[in-house]
C-alpha atoms as a PDB file:
ATOM      1  CA  MET A   1      70.968  21.909  35.081  1.00  0.00           C
ATOM      2  CA  LYS A   2      69.646  18.218  35.144  1.00  0.00           C
ATOM      3  CA  ARG A   3      68.326  16.687  31.770  1.00  0.00           C
ATOM      4  CA  GLN A   4      65.027  15.245  32.016  1.00  0.00           C
ATOM      5  CA  GLY A   5      64.304  12.056  30.519  1.00  0.00           C
ATOM      6  CA  GLY A   6      61.219  11.315  27.888  1.00  0.00           C
ATOM      7  CA  PHE A   7      59.378  11.153  24.694  1.00  0.00           C
ATOM      8  CA  THR A   8      59.185  14.240  23.105  1.00  0.00           C
ATOM      9  CA  LEU A   9      56.197  15.702  21.315  1.00  0.00           C
ATOM     10  CA  ILE A  10      57.164  14.984  17.786  1.00  0.00           C
ATOM     11  CA  GLU A  11      57.881  11.252  18.850  1.00  0.00           C
ATOM     12  CA  LEU A  12      54.595  10.838  20.181  1.00  0.00           C
ATOM     13  CA  VAL A  13      53.200  12.542  17.376  1.00  0.00           C
ATOM     14  CA  VAL A  14      55.025  10.007  15.014  1.00  0.00           C
ATOM     15  CA  VAL A  15      54.095   6.681  17.106  1.00  0.00           C
ATOM     16  CA  ILE A  16      50.236   7.913  17.002  1.00  0.00           C
ATOM     17  CA  VAL A  17      50.316   8.305  13.268  1.00  0.00           C
ATOM     18  CA  ILE A  18      51.432   4.704  12.799  1.00  0.00           C
ATOM     19  CA  LEU A  19      49.083   3.414  15.068  1.00  0.00           C
ATOM     20  CA  GLY A  20      46.258   5.159  12.993  1.00  0.00           C
ATOM     21  CA  ILE A  21      47.790   3.818   9.972  1.00  0.00           C
ATOM     22  CA  LEU A  22      47.914   0.109  11.325  1.00  0.00           C
ATOM     23  CA  ALA A  23      44.820   0.646  12.417  1.00  0.00           C
ATOM     24  CA  VAL A  24      42.975   1.443   8.919  1.00  0.00           C
ATOM     25  CA  THR A  25      44.814  -1.516   7.232  1.00  0.00           C
ATOM     26  CA  ALA A  26      44.681  -4.478  10.115  1.00  0.00           C
ATOM     27  CA  ALA A  27      40.943  -3.473  10.862  1.00  0.00           C
ATOM     28  CA  PRO A  28      38.881  -4.899   7.588  1.00  0.00           C
ATOM     29  CA  ARG A  29      41.020  -7.930   8.099  1.00  0.00           C
ATOM     30  CA  PHE A  30      39.609  -8.307  11.386  1.00  0.00           C
ATOM     31  CA  LEU A  31      36.455  -7.197  11.361  1.00  0.00           C
ATOM     32  CA  ASN A  32      34.784  -8.719   8.073  1.00  0.00           C
ATOM     33  CA  LEU A  33      31.965  -6.685   7.623  1.00  0.00           C
ATOM     34  CA  GLN A  34      30.846  -6.800   4.616  1.00  0.00           C
ATOM     35  CA  GLY A  35      30.874 -10.647   4.680  1.00  0.00           C
ATOM     36  CA  ASP A  36      28.550 -10.115   7.844  1.00  0.00           C
ATOM     37  CA  ALA A  37      26.641  -7.487   5.622  1.00  0.00           C
ATOM     38  CA  ARG A  38      26.326 -10.053   2.631  1.00  0.00           C
ATOM     39  CA  ALA A  39      24.960 -13.352   5.217  1.00  0.00           C
ATOM     40  CA  SER A  40      22.390 -11.014   7.043  1.00  0.00           C
ATOM     41  CA  ALA A  41      20.967 -10.136   3.216  1.00  0.00           C
ATOM     42  CA  LEU A  42      20.915 -13.556   2.345  1.00  0.00           C
ATOM     43  CA  GLN A  43      18.965 -14.032   5.778  1.00  0.00           C
ATOM     44  CA  GLY A  44      16.915 -11.363   4.764  1.00  0.00           C
ATOM     45  CA  LEU A  45      16.407 -13.384   1.316  1.00  0.00           C
ATOM     46  CA  LYS A  46      15.146 -16.637   2.738  1.00  0.00           C
ATOM     47  CA  GLY A  47      12.669 -14.911   5.224  1.00  0.00           C
ATOM     48  CA  ALA A  48      10.956 -12.803   1.886  1.00  0.00           C
ATOM     49  CA  ILE A  49      11.058 -16.365   0.250  1.00  0.00           C
ATOM     50  CA  ASP A  50       9.489 -18.195   3.055  1.00  0.00           C
ATOM     51  CA  GLY A  51       6.655 -15.821   3.933  1.00  0.00           C
ATOM     52  CA  ALA A  52       6.051 -15.110   0.197  1.00  0.00           C
ATOM     53  CA  ALA A  53       5.577 -19.439  -0.163  1.00  0.00           C
ATOM     54  CA  GLY A  54       3.584 -19.352   3.050  1.00  0.00           C
ATOM     55  CA  ILE A  55       1.441 -17.021   1.510  1.00  0.00           C
ATOM     56  CA  VAL A  56       0.975 -18.386  -1.249  1.00  0.00           C
ATOM     57  CA  TYR A  57       0.431 -21.973   0.219  1.00  0.00           C
ATOM     58  CA  GLY A  58      -2.658 -19.928   1.744  1.00  0.00           C
ATOM     59  CA  LYS A  59      -3.747 -18.498  -1.583  1.00  0.00           C
ATOM     60  CA  ALA A  60      -3.480 -21.876  -3.090  1.00  0.00           C
ATOM     61  CA  ALA A  61      -5.859 -23.667   0.025  1.00  0.00           C
ATOM     62  CA  ILE A  62      -8.460 -20.770  -0.206  1.00  0.00           C
ATOM     63  CA  GLU A  63      -8.414 -21.669  -4.047  1.00  0.00           C
ATOM     64  CA  GLY A  64      -8.560 -25.411  -3.659  1.00  0.00           C
ATOM     65  CA  VAL A  65      -5.531 -26.499  -5.554  1.00  0.00           C
ATOM     66  CA  GLU A  66      -3.146 -27.065  -2.772  1.00  0.00           C
ATOM     67  CA  ASN A  67      -2.743 -31.078  -3.483  1.00  0.00           C
ATOM     68  CA  GLN A  68      -2.709 -30.492  -7.136  1.00  0.00           C
ATOM     69  CA  ALA A  69       0.372 -31.398  -8.716  1.00  0.00           C
ATOM     70  CA  SER A  70       2.299 -29.081 -11.554  1.00  0.00           C
ATOM     71  CA  THR A  71       2.404 -30.285 -14.924  1.00  0.00           C
ATOM     72  CA  ALA A  72       4.192 -29.006 -17.703  1.00  0.00           C
ATOM     73  CA  THR A  73       1.132 -28.309 -20.201  1.00  0.00           C
ATOM     74  CA  THR A  74      -1.142 -26.453 -17.066  1.00  0.00           C
ATOM     75  CA  PRO A  75      -0.038 -25.976 -13.923  1.00  0.00           C
ATOM     76  CA  PRO A  76      -2.204 -24.638 -11.381  1.00  0.00           C
ATOM     77  CA  THR A  77      -1.646 -20.848 -10.622  1.00  0.00           C
ATOM     78  CA  VAL A  78      -2.786 -18.503  -8.153  1.00  0.00           C
ATOM     79  CA  GLY A  79      -3.492 -14.673  -7.046  1.00  0.00           C
ATOM     80  CA  ASP A  80      -3.749 -11.585  -9.594  1.00  0.00           C
ATOM     81  CA  GLU A  81      -0.277 -12.633 -10.296  1.00  0.00           C
ATOM     82  CA  ASN A  82      -0.690 -15.904 -11.808  1.00  0.00           C
ATOM     83  CA  ILE A  83       1.870 -17.870  -9.770  1.00  0.00           C
ATOM     84  CA  THR A  84       2.689 -21.407 -10.946  1.00  0.00           C
ATOM     85  CA  THR A  85       2.639 -23.597  -7.779  1.00  0.00           C
ATOM     86  CA  ASN A  86       3.206 -27.640  -7.204  1.00  0.00           C
ATOM     87  CA  TYR A  87       1.228 -29.172  -4.305  1.00  0.00           C
ATOM     88  CA  GLY A  88       0.352 -25.596  -3.431  1.00  0.00           C
ATOM     89  CA  TYR A  89       3.675 -24.203  -3.177  1.00  0.00           C
ATOM     90  CA  PRO A  90       5.680 -21.616  -5.388  1.00  0.00           C
ATOM     91  CA  THR A  91       7.453 -23.388  -8.232  1.00  0.00           C
ATOM     92  CA  ALA A  92      11.474 -23.093  -8.419  1.00  0.00           C
ATOM     93  CA  ASP A  93      11.201 -20.790 -11.513  1.00  0.00           C
ATOM     94  CA  GLU A  94      10.667 -17.346 -12.298  1.00  0.00           C
ATOM     95  CA  ASP A  95       6.720 -17.934 -12.731  1.00  0.00           C
ATOM     96  CA  GLY A  96       6.703 -19.329  -9.267  1.00  0.00           C
ATOM     97  CA  ILE A  97       9.050 -18.088  -6.709  1.00  0.00           C
ATOM     98  CA  VAL A  98      10.580 -15.423  -8.218  1.00  0.00           C
ATOM     99  CA  ALA A  99       7.327 -13.888  -9.133  1.00  0.00           C
ATOM    100  CA  ALA A 100       5.974 -14.593  -5.729  1.00  0.00           C
ATOM    101  CA  VAL A 101       8.550 -12.495  -3.670  1.00  0.00           C
ATOM    102  CA  LYS A 102       8.335  -8.587  -5.172  1.00  0.00           C
ATOM    103  CA  GLY A 103      11.962  -7.160  -6.666  1.00  0.00           C
ATOM    104  CA  PHE A 104      13.314 -10.700  -6.636  1.00  0.00           C
ATOM    105  CA  ASP A 105      13.964 -10.289 -10.405  1.00  0.00           C
ATOM    106  CA  GLU A 106      15.504  -6.855 -10.304  1.00  0.00           C
ATOM    107  CA  ASP A 107      18.136  -7.226  -6.976  1.00  0.00           C
ATOM    108  CA  TRP A 108      18.823 -11.046  -7.373  1.00  0.00           C
ATOM    109  CA  ALA A 109      20.858 -13.203  -9.580  1.00  0.00           C
ATOM    110  CA  TYR A 110      19.201 -16.491  -9.612  1.00  0.00           C
ATOM    111  CA  ALA A 111      19.363 -19.640 -11.974  1.00  0.00           C
ATOM    112  CA  SER A 112      16.875 -22.525 -11.734  1.00  0.00           C
ATOM    113  CA  VAL A 113      18.466 -26.005 -10.945  1.00  0.00           C
ATOM    114  CA  GLY A 114      17.353 -29.282 -12.787  1.00  0.00           C
ATOM    115  CA  ASP A 115      15.606 -30.418 -15.614  1.00  0.00           C
ATOM    116  CA  PRO A 116      12.583 -29.960 -14.696  1.00  0.00           C
ATOM    117  CA  ALA A 117      13.685 -27.188 -12.315  1.00  0.00           C
ATOM    118  CA  THR A 118      13.225 -28.534  -9.282  1.00  0.00           C
ATOM    119  CA  SER A 119      15.530 -25.600  -7.080  1.00  0.00           C
ATOM    120  CA  LEU A 120      16.463 -22.306  -7.574  1.00  0.00           C
ATOM    121  CA  VAL A 121      19.777 -20.593  -6.499  1.00  0.00           C
ATOM    122  CA  ALA A 122      19.915 -17.581  -6.093  1.00  0.00           C
ATOM    123  CA  THR A 123      22.710 -14.979  -4.836  1.00  0.00           C
ATOM    124  CA  PHE A 124      24.007 -11.063  -5.184  1.00  0.00           C
ATOM    125  CA  LEU A 125      23.880  -9.377  -8.570  1.00  0.00           C
ATOM    126  CA  THR A 126      28.002  -8.703  -9.875  1.00  0.00           C
ATOM    127  CA  ASP A 127      29.626  -7.768 -12.994  1.00  0.00           C
ATOM    128  CA  SER A 128      29.997 -11.409 -13.099  1.00  0.00           C
ATOM    129  CA  ILE A 129      27.113 -13.143 -12.035  1.00  0.00           C
ATOM    130  CA  THR A 130      23.669 -11.874 -13.763  1.00  0.00           C
ATOM    131  CA  SER A 131      20.023 -12.519 -13.051  1.00  0.00           C
ATOM    132  CA  SER A 132      20.709 -14.874 -16.474  1.00  0.00           C
ATOM    133  CA  SER A 133      24.134 -16.631 -14.848  1.00  0.00           C
ATOM    134  CA  ASP A 134      24.055 -20.120 -14.628  1.00  0.00           C
ATOM    135  CA  SER A 135      23.583 -22.317 -11.626  1.00  0.00           C
ATOM    136  CA  ASP A 136      27.092 -23.551 -11.086  1.00  0.00           C
ATOM    137  CA  ALA A 137      28.381 -20.135 -11.164  1.00  0.00           C
ATOM    138  CA  ILE A 138      26.328 -18.945  -8.752  1.00  0.00           C
ATOM    139  CA  ILE A 139      27.115 -21.960  -6.199  1.00  0.00           C
ATOM    140  CA  ALA A 140      31.087 -21.504  -6.702  1.00  0.00           C
ATOM    141  CA  THR A 141      30.171 -18.230  -4.910  1.00  0.00           C
ATOM    142  CA  GLU A 142      29.396 -19.757  -1.736  1.00  0.00           C
ATOM    143  CA  CYS A 143      27.125 -17.388  -0.711  1.00  0.00           C
ATOM    144  CA  TYR A 144      23.688 -18.320  -1.868  1.00  0.00           C
ATOM    145  CA  VAL A 145      19.788 -19.126  -0.767  1.00  0.00           C
ATOM    146  CA  THR A 146      18.668 -22.389  -2.698  1.00  0.00           C
ATOM    147  CA  TYR A 147      14.869 -22.900  -2.531  1.00  0.00           C
ATOM    148  CA  THR A 148      13.529 -26.179  -3.295  1.00  0.00           C
ATOM    149  CA  ALA A 149       9.490 -26.534  -4.547  1.00  0.00           C
ATOM    150  CA  ALA A 150       7.310 -29.227  -2.874  1.00  0.00           C
ATOM    151  CA  THR A 151       7.521 -32.199  -4.028  1.00  0.00           C
ATOM    152  CA  SER A 152       4.321 -34.050  -2.639  1.00  0.00           C
ATOM    153  CA  ASP A 153       1.282 -32.576  -0.773  1.00  0.00           C
ATOM    154  CA  SER A 154       3.135 -33.856   2.401  1.00  0.00           C
ATOM    155  CA  GLU A 155       6.149 -32.161   2.340  1.00  0.00           C
ATOM    156  CA  ALA A 156       6.963 -28.198   1.813  1.00  0.00           C
ATOM    157  CA  SER A 157       9.192 -26.724   0.375  1.00  0.00           C
ATOM    158  CA  THR A 158      12.571 -25.863   2.199  1.00  0.00           C
ATOM    159  CA  ILE A 159      14.976 -22.744   1.501  1.00  0.00           C
ATOM    160  CA  VAL A 160      18.236 -23.297   3.103  1.00  0.00           C
ATOM    161  CA  THR A 161      21.446 -20.740   2.962  1.00  0.00           C
ATOM    162  CA  ASP A 162      25.231 -21.306   2.455  1.00  0.00           C
ATOM    163  CA  THR A 163      26.895 -18.675   3.730  1.00  0.00           C
ATOM    164  CA  ASP A 164      30.455 -20.413   3.902  1.00  0.00           C
ATOM    165  CA  GLY A 165      31.840 -17.219   0.937  1.00  0.00           C
ATOM    166  CA  CYS A 166      30.234 -14.254   2.051  1.00  0.00           C
END
């Protein structure tokens, strides 16, 4: 009787199991889904900040305070939430942009930059980064959004994302 060459069923099953183990361990390294999700979430936050800043500017224009600079004693405010503004755009602090974006203080870690605060950086809440974190810790993540308040009546606020570390 002639013996046929080929693989046995057990050999084929072992190869399939080994390929499955390799796929489970190697796939996350090739597919950085968590990083993409974090970068997308930051883009969503950027859009929320941009939209809120635009709405606040519109309210400031209606109330006639779009050309007023913020002062330490009496910053101009708009809306029922009393959002503080600088040249019509929200200031870069808790009374400004954080109050303008609903859920900002619950879902994101943030910190003001500069004295007085001219920018605000925000990133994901983690065990080591909380809503009261300092700006250096947030910037060190290289996965954050920076909101910079308007500095004159001819310059709008800016929003920039850094997704290098996501």
